Amino acid sequence: MKDVDKSRMHRVEVRMRPDMVDARGEAARTDIIDDLGISVEKVRCAEVYTIYATLSADELDRVAQELFTDPIIQESSAAEPVLHEYDWLIEVGFLPGVTDNVGKTATEGIADILGRPMAEDEGVYTSRQYGITGDLTEDQADHIARDLLANELIQRWVVRQGDGVSGDDRFLLGLPIVDIEAPDVADYDLEVDDEALIRLSREGVLALELDEMHVIRNYYRNEDIRAERRDVGLGDKPTDVELEAVAQTWSEHCKHKIFNAVISYNDKEQGTAETVESLFKTYVRGSTEDISERVGWLVSVFHDNAGVIKLDDDWNLVMKVETHNSPSALDPYGGAITGIVGVNRDPLGTGLGAKLIFNVDTFCFADPRICFPMASSCLLYSSARPPARLPSESSSSIISLCLYLMFACFTICGTWTMSRIFPIKQNPAVRV
């Protein structure tokens, strides 16, 4: 975090008018009682816009009223807090470096309203306040913030007891501005015992299992590889960036370890056992290939960027789905919304291209009573969101289908598109 000019820091707080229902506050109160078993009397919410820009008092008031406030149902203030008469105040905002989409849009909105571009270092940073009335302990208040109102993977929070903040105290979270400097590059010694390798994977959130760590260690033992590294100025040990790159490439999201794993399935009720050689190859690809031998409308599957089936003599129907399992388990909104990119992009690159018709909007969730933390495994994340939190957190991402399988969250985003049928010789990417 770099030093900031406090004279350029402004704060607009917006809440529902007292005569209007605070739906978000009521929802939070219900969740605190139902999900955490903590009794609270009332919760009021306020949207907070922290602005870092050179603005006059008139400009700030204009922005607050024209951009951030709906005068019919809301009221706002740029001078004082809008929440009062609470026992605990919790404010939740993004960690430095996490994309704040609403903040970006608000920055553009200020430029439009004022009729001038914002400076490179100017911007808007959003957060949300919860004023909670109830007889809570400090541990209970922190429990509410950490395990319900915030996602520690992407957000930070402040918990304050008592009613009232003013002056500079209003800027509870400060500004999440990252001052990018030359990074310190660390390297890691992999010539350690298995316990140390597993500890490195866990502490670095690499989610790599022991056999994978062995493969990486063996790679860096190769003398030919070491010679190539020395030629380009690298040492014999892997850097933190290299390990992170390998972990990302071998992650559950990219590699689909669960889908491709050998599964030993025991049916205790029937007293049977079987081994499944990859859920994907057996039940997804295998089933599709079996169907393809009996029907004639599968035009292209598992070969192009999306699946293609025949609709009629003039049109093909293109379907694209993406599994966003581990990302959605960690951040339901971000994990689901990134699926939109792939499912809308890939049909455009299927064959000679297809036209987008619509996106799939389906929601499936696990039993909300599943307890966390989950079982200990490199494949599973202790910071995964519980099923009870997924509906509200992922629904705002527009499209997602979340399935809990083996205690991992699977999100499948889909889109349907159409394309005209072209001769195969003009469209070598499509295989019959």
Protein backbone atom coordinates (compact mmCIF):
# COMPACT_ATOMS: atom_id res chain seq x y z
CA MET A 1 0.00 0.00 0.00
CA LYS A 2 1.38 3.37 -0.93
CA ASP A 3 0.92 6.71 0.81
CA VAL A 4 -2.15 8.66 -0.30
CA ASP A 5 -3.19 12.29 -0.19
CA LYS A 6 -6.01 12.34 2.38
CA SER A 7 -7.36 15.58 0.93
CA ARG A 8 -8.32 13.61 -2.19
CA MET A 9 -10.13 10.89 -0.24
CA HIS A 10 -13.91 11.16 -0.25
CA ARG A 11 -16.60 8.80 0.94
CA VAL A 12 -20.22 8.47 -0.10
CA GLU A 13 -22.46 6.21 1.97
CA VAL A 14 -25.87 5.13 0.68
CA ARG A 15 -28.65 3.34 2.56
CA MET A 16 -32.34 2.60 2.11
CA ARG A 17 -34.66 5.30 3.41
CA PRO A 18 -36.06 4.55 6.90
CA ASP A 19 -39.57 4.08 5.49
CA MET A 20 -38.33 1.47 2.97
CA VAL A 21 -37.56 -2.19 3.59
CA ASP A 22 -33.83 -2.89 3.79
CA ALA A 23 -34.01 -6.22 1.97
CA ARG A 24 -30.26 -6.83 2.06
CA GLY A 25 -30.14 -6.13 5.78
CA GLU A 26 -33.10 -8.43 6.44
CA ALA A 27 -31.46 -11.17 4.37
CA ALA A 28 -28.23 -10.80 6.35
CA ARG A 29 -30.13 -10.99 9.63
CA THR A 30 -31.90 -14.17 8.51
CA ASP A 31 -28.62 -15.74 7.39
CA ILE A 32 -26.91 -14.90 10.68
CA ILE A 33 -29.71 -16.61 12.60
CA ASP A 34 -30.26 -19.59 10.28
CA ASP A 35 -26.72 -20.33 9.08
CA LEU A 36 -24.68 -19.38 12.13
CA GLY A 37 -27.22 -19.88 14.91
CA ILE A 38 -26.50 -16.42 16.35
CA SER A 39 -29.42 -14.31 17.55
CA VAL A 40 -29.50 -10.68 16.35
CA GLU A 41 -32.31 -8.14 16.49
CA LYS A 42 -31.69 -6.06 13.38
CA VAL A 43 -29.22 -5.53 10.54
CA ARG A 44 -29.03 -2.41 8.40
CA CYS A 45 -26.85 -2.14 5.30
CA ALA A 46 -25.11 0.72 3.54
CA GLU A 47 -23.24 0.77 0.24
CA VAL A 48 -19.96 2.65 0.53
CA TYR A 49 -18.10 4.37 -2.32
CA THR A 50 -14.63 5.55 -1.39
CA ILE A 51 -13.43 8.00 -4.02
CA TYR A 52 -9.81 8.93 -4.52
CA ALA A 53 -9.87 11.98 -6.78
CA THR A 54 -9.53 15.74 -6.83
CA LEU A 55 -13.14 16.88 -6.38
CA SER A 56 -14.69 20.09 -5.15
CA ALA A 57 -17.49 19.96 -2.59
CA ASP A 58 -20.06 20.73 -5.31
CA GLU A 59 -18.67 18.01 -7.59
CA LEU A 60 -18.74 15.47 -4.77
CA ASP A 61 -22.35 16.31 -3.93
CA ARG A 62 -23.35 16.09 -7.58
CA VAL A 63 -21.70 12.69 -7.96
CA ALA A 64 -23.33 11.42 -4.77
CA GLN A 65 -26.81 12.46 -5.85
CA GLU A 66 -26.70 11.75 -9.59
CA LEU A 67 -24.59 8.60 -9.66
CA PHE A 68 -24.88 6.75 -6.39
CA THR A 69 -28.32 7.59 -4.99
CA ASP A 70 -31.84 6.64 -6.07
CA PRO A 71 -33.80 9.47 -4.42
CA ILE A 72 -37.05 7.51 -4.40
CA ILE A 73 -35.83 4.70 -2.14
CA GLN A 74 -32.39 5.77 -0.88
CA GLU A 75 -30.62 8.50 1.00
CA SER A 76 -26.92 9.26 1.08
CA SER A 77 -24.26 11.39 2.68
CA ALA A 78 -20.74 12.41 1.76
CA ALA A 79 -20.18 14.17 5.08
CA GLU A 80 -21.26 11.77 7.81
CA PRO A 81 -22.22 8.13 8.41
CA VAL A 82 -25.68 7.00 7.32
CA LEU A 83 -25.94 4.06 9.73
CA HIS A 84 -26.79 4.75 13.37
CA GLU A 85 -27.99 2.96 16.50
CA TYR A 86 -26.19 -0.34 16.16
CA ASP A 87 -24.08 -2.43 18.52
CA TRP A 88 -21.55 -3.68 15.98
CA LEU A 89 -20.38 -2.27 12.67
CA ILE A 90 -18.82 -4.52 10.02
CA GLU A 91 -17.43 -3.16 6.77
CA VAL A 92 -16.42 -5.54 3.96
CA GLY A 93 -14.41 -4.56 0.88
CA PHE A 94 -12.06 -6.07 -1.68
CA LEU A 95 -8.45 -6.92 -1.01
CA PRO A 96 -5.85 -4.79 -2.83
CA GLY A 97 -5.44 -6.06 -6.38
CA VAL A 98 -8.85 -7.75 -6.62
CA THR A 99 -10.97 -6.45 -9.50
CA ASP A 100 -13.74 -4.12 -8.32
CA ASN A 101 -16.16 -4.05 -11.26
CA VAL A 102 -18.64 -1.68 -9.64
CA GLY A 103 -15.77 0.61 -8.68
CA LYS A 104 -14.53 0.67 -12.27
CA THR A 105 -18.00 1.48 -13.58
CA ALA A 106 -18.43 4.20 -10.95
CA THR A 107 -15.12 5.76 -12.01
CA GLU A 108 -16.38 5.94 -15.59
CA GLY A 109 -19.67 7.37 -14.32
CA ILE A 110 -17.91 10.19 -12.49
CA ALA A 111 -16.02 11.11 -15.64
CA ASP A 112 -19.28 11.20 -17.62
CA ILE A 113 -21.08 13.34 -15.03
CA LEU A 114 -18.25 15.84 -14.62
CA GLY A 115 -17.45 15.91 -18.33
CA ARG A 116 -13.74 15.30 -17.84
CA PRO A 117 -11.53 12.22 -17.76
CA MET A 118 -10.35 10.85 -14.44
CA ALA A 119 -6.62 10.99 -13.77
CA GLU A 120 -4.66 7.76 -13.91
CA ASP A 121 -4.37 7.53 -10.13
CA GLU A 122 -8.04 8.41 -9.50
CA GLY A 123 -10.69 5.80 -8.87
CA VAL A 124 -13.62 4.46 -6.85
CA TYR A 125 -13.44 1.57 -4.38
CA THR A 126 -16.60 -0.10 -3.13
CA SER A 127 -17.40 -1.72 0.20
CA ARG A 128 -20.48 -2.55 2.25
CA GLN A 129 -21.36 -1.78 5.86
CA TYR A 130 -23.54 -3.84 8.17
CA GLY A 131 -24.90 -2.18 11.30
CA ILE A 132 -25.88 -5.04 13.62
CA THR A 133 -28.09 -4.67 16.68
CA GLY A 134 -27.78 -7.52 19.15
CA ASP A 135 -25.98 -8.76 22.23
CA LEU A 136 -22.88 -10.21 20.56
CA THR A 137 -19.42 -11.05 21.78
CA GLU A 138 -16.39 -9.92 19.80
CA ASP A 139 -15.79 -13.51 18.70
CA GLN A 140 -19.36 -13.79 17.42
CA ALA A 141 -19.06 -10.52 15.49
CA ASP A 142 -15.82 -11.68 13.89
CA HIS A 143 -17.44 -15.06 13.12
CA ILE A 144 -20.26 -13.27 11.29
CA ALA A 145 -17.80 -11.20 9.28
CA ARG A 146 -15.37 -13.99 8.43
CA ASP A 147 -17.75 -16.88 7.80
CA LEU A 148 -20.84 -15.17 6.40
CA LEU A 149 -20.48 -11.60 5.19
CA ALA A 150 -16.99 -11.82 3.63
CA ASN A 151 -14.93 -14.20 1.54
CA GLU A 152 -11.40 -14.03 2.91
CA LEU A 153 -9.95 -15.17 -0.41
CA ILE A 154 -10.88 -11.89 -2.10
CA GLN A 155 -12.13 -9.57 0.64
CA ARG A 156 -11.04 -7.85 3.85
CA TRP A 157 -13.14 -6.50 6.68
CA VAL A 158 -13.17 -4.39 9.82
CA VAL A 159 -15.28 -5.04 12.93
CA ARG A 160 -16.08 -2.13 15.26
CA GLN A 161 -18.08 -2.19 18.47
CA GLY A 162 -20.32 0.71 19.42
CA ASP A 163 -22.29 3.27 17.51
CA GLY A 164 -20.66 6.07 15.59
CA VAL A 165 -17.58 6.79 13.50
CA SER A 166 -16.54 10.19 12.22
CA GLY A 167 -13.75 12.07 10.51
CA ASP A 168 -10.90 9.95 9.21
CA ASP A 169 -12.29 7.03 11.24
CA ARG A 170 -14.98 6.70 8.58
CA PHE A 171 -12.35 5.31 6.19
CA LEU A 172 -12.32 2.01 8.03
CA LEU A 173 -10.65 -0.01 5.28
CA GLY A 174 -8.46 2.68 3.78
CA LEU A 175 -7.70 2.51 0.05
CA PRO A 176 -6.87 -0.85 -1.55
CA ILE A 177 -4.24 0.72 -3.79
CA VAL A 178 -1.31 -1.47 -4.68
CA ASP A 179 2.06 0.16 -5.15
CA ILE A 180 3.82 -2.17 -7.58
CA GLU A 181 7.53 -2.41 -6.92
CA ALA A 182 10.21 -4.78 -8.12
CA PRO A 183 9.14 -8.10 -6.57
CA ASP A 184 11.32 -10.28 -4.44
CA VAL A 185 11.65 -13.60 -6.25
CA ALA A 186 12.01 -16.56 -3.91
CA ASP A 187 13.32 -19.99 -4.83
CA TYR A 188 12.52 -23.25 -3.11
CA ASP A 189 14.67 -26.20 -2.17
CA LEU A 190 12.81 -29.37 -3.17
CA GLU A 191 15.53 -31.66 -1.84
CA VAL A 192 13.59 -32.20 1.37
CA ASP A 193 11.55 -35.02 2.88
CA ASP A 194 7.96 -35.79 1.94
CA GLU A 195 6.50 -34.00 4.93
CA ALA A 196 8.26 -30.78 3.93
CA LEU A 197 7.07 -31.13 0.33
CA ILE A 198 3.46 -31.48 1.43
CA ARG A 199 3.89 -28.52 3.79
CA LEU A 200 5.22 -26.41 0.91
CA SER A 201 2.20 -27.34 -1.19
CA ARG A 202 -0.26 -26.51 1.56
CA GLU A 203 1.33 -23.29 2.79
CA GLY A 204 1.73 -22.08 -0.79
CA VAL A 205 -1.87 -23.09 -1.61
CA LEU A 206 -0.48 -25.04 -4.57
CA ALA A 207 -2.98 -27.90 -4.09
CA LEU A 208 -0.38 -30.37 -5.37
CA GLU A 209 -0.26 -33.91 -4.05
CA LEU A 210 2.91 -35.69 -2.98
CA ASP A 211 3.39 -37.62 -6.22
CA GLU A 212 3.05 -34.38 -8.17
CA MET A 213 5.64 -32.71 -5.95
CA HIS A 214 7.94 -35.69 -6.64
CA VAL A 215 7.52 -35.21 -10.40
CA ILE A 216 8.41 -31.53 -10.10
CA ARG A 217 11.45 -32.33 -7.95
CA ASN A 218 12.66 -34.94 -10.44
CA TYR A 219 12.33 -32.45 -13.27
CA TYR A 220 14.61 -29.99 -11.51
CA ARG A 221 17.11 -32.77 -10.81
CA ASN A 222 17.59 -33.37 -14.54
CA GLU A 223 21.09 -32.21 -15.49
CA ASP A 224 20.03 -31.23 -19.02
CA ILE A 225 17.30 -29.02 -17.58
CA ARG A 226 19.73 -27.47 -15.12
CA ALA A 227 22.16 -26.68 -17.94
CA GLU A 228 19.41 -24.98 -19.96
CA ARG A 229 18.39 -22.94 -16.92
CA ARG A 230 21.95 -21.77 -16.28
CA ASP A 231 22.21 -20.64 -19.92
CA VAL A 232 19.34 -18.18 -19.37
CA GLY A 233 20.45 -17.05 -15.93
CA LEU A 234 18.22 -19.25 -13.77
CA GLY A 235 19.36 -21.24 -10.79
CA ASP A 236 18.88 -24.93 -10.11
CA LYS A 237 15.95 -24.39 -7.75
CA PRO A 238 12.41 -23.48 -8.93
CA THR A 239 11.22 -19.96 -8.24
CA ASP A 240 7.90 -19.14 -6.59
CA VAL A 241 6.56 -18.01 -9.99
CA GLU A 242 7.51 -21.32 -11.60
CA LEU A 243 5.87 -23.38 -8.87
CA GLU A 244 2.74 -21.28 -9.06
CA ALA A 245 2.63 -21.69 -12.86
CA VAL A 246 2.90 -25.47 -12.56
CA ALA A 247 0.29 -25.57 -9.80
CA GLN A 248 -2.10 -23.52 -11.92
CA THR A 249 -1.58 -25.76 -14.94
CA TRP A 250 -2.09 -28.89 -12.85
CA SER A 251 -4.95 -27.42 -10.83
CA GLU A 252 -8.35 -29.05 -10.44
CA HIS A 253 -9.81 -26.27 -12.58
CA CYS A 254 -7.44 -26.83 -15.52
CA LYS A 255 -6.56 -30.52 -15.18
CA HIS A 256 -9.87 -31.87 -13.83
CA LYS A 257 -8.20 -34.29 -11.47
CA ILE A 258 -11.45 -35.52 -9.94
CA PHE A 259 -13.12 -36.06 -13.30
CA ASN A 260 -10.08 -37.98 -14.56
CA ALA A 261 -9.17 -39.85 -11.39
CA VAL A 262 -9.50 -43.58 -10.80
CA ILE A 263 -12.52 -43.85 -8.50
CA SER A 264 -13.07 -46.81 -6.19
CA TYR A 265 -16.83 -46.90 -5.61
CA ASN A 266 -18.35 -49.04 -2.87
CA ASP A 267 -22.13 -49.43 -2.72
CA LYS A 268 -22.67 -50.43 0.91
CA GLU A 269 -26.40 -50.98 0.44
CA GLN A 270 -25.95 -53.38 -2.48
CA GLY A 271 -22.69 -54.82 -1.20
CA THR A 272 -20.93 -54.18 -4.51
CA ALA A 273 -17.72 -52.46 -5.49
CA GLU A 274 -16.38 -51.17 -8.77
CA THR A 275 -13.49 -49.16 -10.14
CA VAL A 276 -14.26 -46.25 -12.47
CA GLU A 277 -11.42 -45.30 -14.78
CA SER A 278 -12.18 -41.57 -15.09
CA LEU A 279 -15.67 -40.19 -14.60
CA PHE A 280 -15.24 -38.10 -17.73
CA LYS A 281 -14.06 -40.88 -20.03
CA THR A 282 -16.63 -43.34 -18.68
CA TYR A 283 -19.79 -41.32 -18.23
CA VAL A 284 -19.35 -38.24 -20.41
CA ARG A 285 -17.20 -39.16 -23.38
CA GLY A 286 -18.03 -42.88 -23.21
CA SER A 287 -21.79 -42.29 -23.15
CA THR A 288 -21.57 -39.79 -26.00
CA GLU A 289 -19.53 -42.14 -28.17
CA ASP A 290 -22.04 -44.92 -27.48
CA ILE A 291 -24.91 -42.64 -28.52
CA SER A 292 -23.03 -41.58 -31.67
CA GLU A 293 -23.16 -45.17 -32.94
CA ARG A 294 -26.96 -45.14 -32.80
CA VAL A 295 -27.88 -41.63 -34.02
CA GLY A 296 -26.91 -39.52 -36.99
CA TRP A 297 -27.25 -36.01 -35.58
CA LEU A 298 -23.93 -35.72 -33.71
CA VAL A 299 -21.88 -33.59 -36.09
CA SER A 300 -18.79 -32.84 -34.00
CA VAL A 301 -18.02 -33.78 -30.40
CA PHE A 302 -14.75 -33.56 -28.43
CA HIS A 303 -12.86 -32.23 -31.47
CA ASP A 304 -13.62 -28.51 -31.80
CA ASN A 305 -14.15 -25.65 -29.35
CA ALA A 306 -17.78 -26.69 -28.76
CA GLY A 307 -20.12 -29.57 -29.49
CA VAL A 308 -22.16 -29.50 -32.72
CA ILE A 309 -25.42 -31.34 -33.40
CA LYS A 310 -27.65 -31.25 -36.48
CA LEU A 311 -30.87 -29.21 -36.13
CA ASP A 312 -32.18 -29.47 -39.71
CA ASP A 313 -30.84 -29.49 -43.25
CA ASP A 314 -29.73 -25.86 -43.01
CA TRP A 315 -28.65 -25.34 -39.41
CA ASN A 316 -26.42 -26.90 -36.79
CA LEU A 317 -26.91 -26.30 -33.07
CA VAL A 318 -23.76 -25.59 -31.08
CA MET A 319 -23.57 -26.21 -27.33
CA LYS A 320 -20.70 -25.15 -25.10
CA VAL A 321 -20.35 -25.92 -21.39
CA GLU A 322 -17.53 -25.25 -18.96
CA THR A 323 -16.83 -26.76 -15.56
CA HIS A 324 -15.86 -24.09 -13.08
CA ASN A 325 -15.57 -26.29 -10.04
CA SER A 326 -12.78 -25.20 -7.73
CA PRO A 327 -13.00 -21.48 -8.69
CA SER A 328 -16.69 -21.46 -7.79
CA ALA A 329 -16.02 -23.28 -4.53
CA LEU A 330 -13.64 -20.49 -3.57
CA ASP A 331 -15.45 -17.50 -5.08
CA PRO A 332 -18.94 -18.33 -6.41
CA TYR A 333 -19.41 -15.00 -8.20
CA GLY A 334 -15.99 -14.89 -9.82
CA GLY A 335 -15.92 -18.61 -10.56
CA ALA A 336 -19.27 -18.55 -12.29
CA ILE A 337 -18.89 -15.29 -14.17
CA THR A 338 -15.60 -16.34 -15.74
CA GLY A 339 -17.48 -19.22 -17.32
CA ILE A 340 -19.46 -16.69 -19.36
CA VAL A 341 -16.29 -15.74 -21.22
CA GLY A 342 -15.52 -19.26 -22.37
CA VAL A 343 -19.03 -20.37 -23.24
CA ASN A 344 -19.67 -17.27 -25.33
CA ARG A 345 -16.20 -17.19 -26.89
CA ASP A 346 -15.70 -20.79 -27.95
CA PRO A 347 -18.79 -21.25 -30.17
CA LEU A 348 -17.57 -18.25 -32.17
CA GLY A 349 -14.43 -20.29 -32.88
CA THR A 350 -16.23 -23.53 -33.73
CA GLY A 351 -16.09 -24.44 -37.41
CA LEU A 352 -16.64 -21.20 -39.30
CA GLY A 353 -18.31 -19.62 -36.30
CA ALA A 354 -21.78 -19.64 -34.73
CA LYS A 355 -24.36 -17.08 -33.62
CA LEU A 356 -25.14 -16.76 -29.92
CA ILE A 357 -28.80 -17.50 -29.12
CA PHE A 358 -29.00 -17.71 -25.33
CA ASN A 359 -27.17 -18.69 -22.15
CA VAL A 360 -28.21 -21.45 -19.79
CA ASP A 361 -29.49 -20.34 -16.38
CA THR A 362 -29.69 -23.35 -14.06
CA PHE A 363 -28.92 -23.71 -10.36
CA CYS A 364 -28.28 -26.91 -8.42
CA PHE A 365 -26.79 -26.96 -4.93
CA ALA A 366 -25.67 -29.46 -2.36
CA ASP A 367 -27.34 -30.05 0.97
CA PRO A 368 -26.84 -26.75 2.86
CA ARG A 369 -26.30 -28.75 6.05
CA ILE A 370 -22.92 -30.04 4.83
CA CYS A 371 -20.43 -28.96 7.47
CA PHE A 372 -17.07 -27.36 6.82
CA PRO A 373 -14.08 -27.42 7.02
CA MET A 374 -13.92 -30.18 4.46
CA ALA A 375 -11.87 -33.34 4.56
CA SER A 376 -8.12 -32.82 4.51
CA SER A 377 -6.74 -33.18 0.98
CA CYS A 378 -4.55 -31.21 -1.39
CA LEU A 379 -7.44 -31.25 -3.84
CA LEU A 380 -9.82 -29.57 -1.43
CA TYR A 381 -9.67 -26.02 -0.20
CA SER A 382 -10.27 -25.06 3.42
CA SER A 383 -11.54 -21.67 2.21
CA ALA A 384 -14.23 -23.18 -0.04
CA ARG A 385 -17.64 -21.60 0.40
CA PRO A 386 -20.29 -23.79 2.09
CA PRO A 387 -23.31 -24.84 0.00
CA ALA A 388 -25.65 -22.61 1.99
CA ARG A 389 -23.78 -19.52 0.78
CA LEU A 390 -23.64 -20.42 -2.91
CA PRO A 391 -27.16 -19.46 -4.09
CA SER A 392 -26.91 -15.78 -3.14
CA GLU A 393 -23.23 -15.47 -4.05
CA SER A 394 -23.35 -17.15 -7.46
CA SER A 395 -26.77 -16.01 -8.66
CA SER A 396 -25.50 -12.52 -9.35
CA SER A 397 -23.06 -13.95 -11.88
CA ILE A 398 -25.97 -14.37 -14.34
CA ILE A 399 -25.35 -18.00 -15.26
CA SER A 400 -24.09 -20.94 -13.28
CA LEU A 401 -24.89 -24.50 -12.41
CA CYS A 402 -23.26 -25.59 -9.17
CA LEU A 403 -22.99 -29.23 -8.19
CA TYR A 404 -21.23 -30.51 -5.12
CA LEU A 405 -19.40 -33.70 -6.02
CA MET A 406 -16.98 -35.33 -3.62
CA PHE A 407 -17.18 -32.14 -1.54
CA ALA A 408 -15.92 -29.99 -4.45
CA CYS A 409 -18.14 -27.40 -6.08
CA PHE A 410 -18.73 -27.90 -9.79
CA THR A 411 -20.05 -25.02 -11.83
CA ILE A 412 -21.13 -25.63 -15.40
CA CYS A 413 -21.87 -22.60 -17.53
CA GLY A 414 -23.50 -23.12 -20.90
CA THR A 415 -24.56 -21.34 -24.05
CA TRP A 416 -26.51 -22.34 -27.14
CA THR A 417 -25.56 -20.99 -30.56
CA MET A 418 -26.50 -21.74 -34.15
CA SER A 419 -24.43 -21.99 -37.30
CA ARG A 420 -25.22 -22.63 -40.92
CA ILE A 421 -24.09 -25.96 -42.34
CA PHE A 422 -21.01 -25.57 -44.52
CA PRO A 423 -19.35 -28.20 -46.71
CA ILE A 424 -16.87 -30.21 -44.66
CA LYS A 425 -14.05 -29.42 -47.09
CA GLN A 426 -14.50 -25.73 -46.26
CA ASN A 427 -14.72 -26.46 -42.57
CA PRO A 428 -12.02 -29.00 -41.64
CA ALA A 429 -12.48 -28.29 -37.91
CA VAL A 430 -15.89 -30.02 -37.95
CA ARG A 431 -15.64 -33.79 -37.98
CA VAL A 432 -18.50 -36.16 -38.66
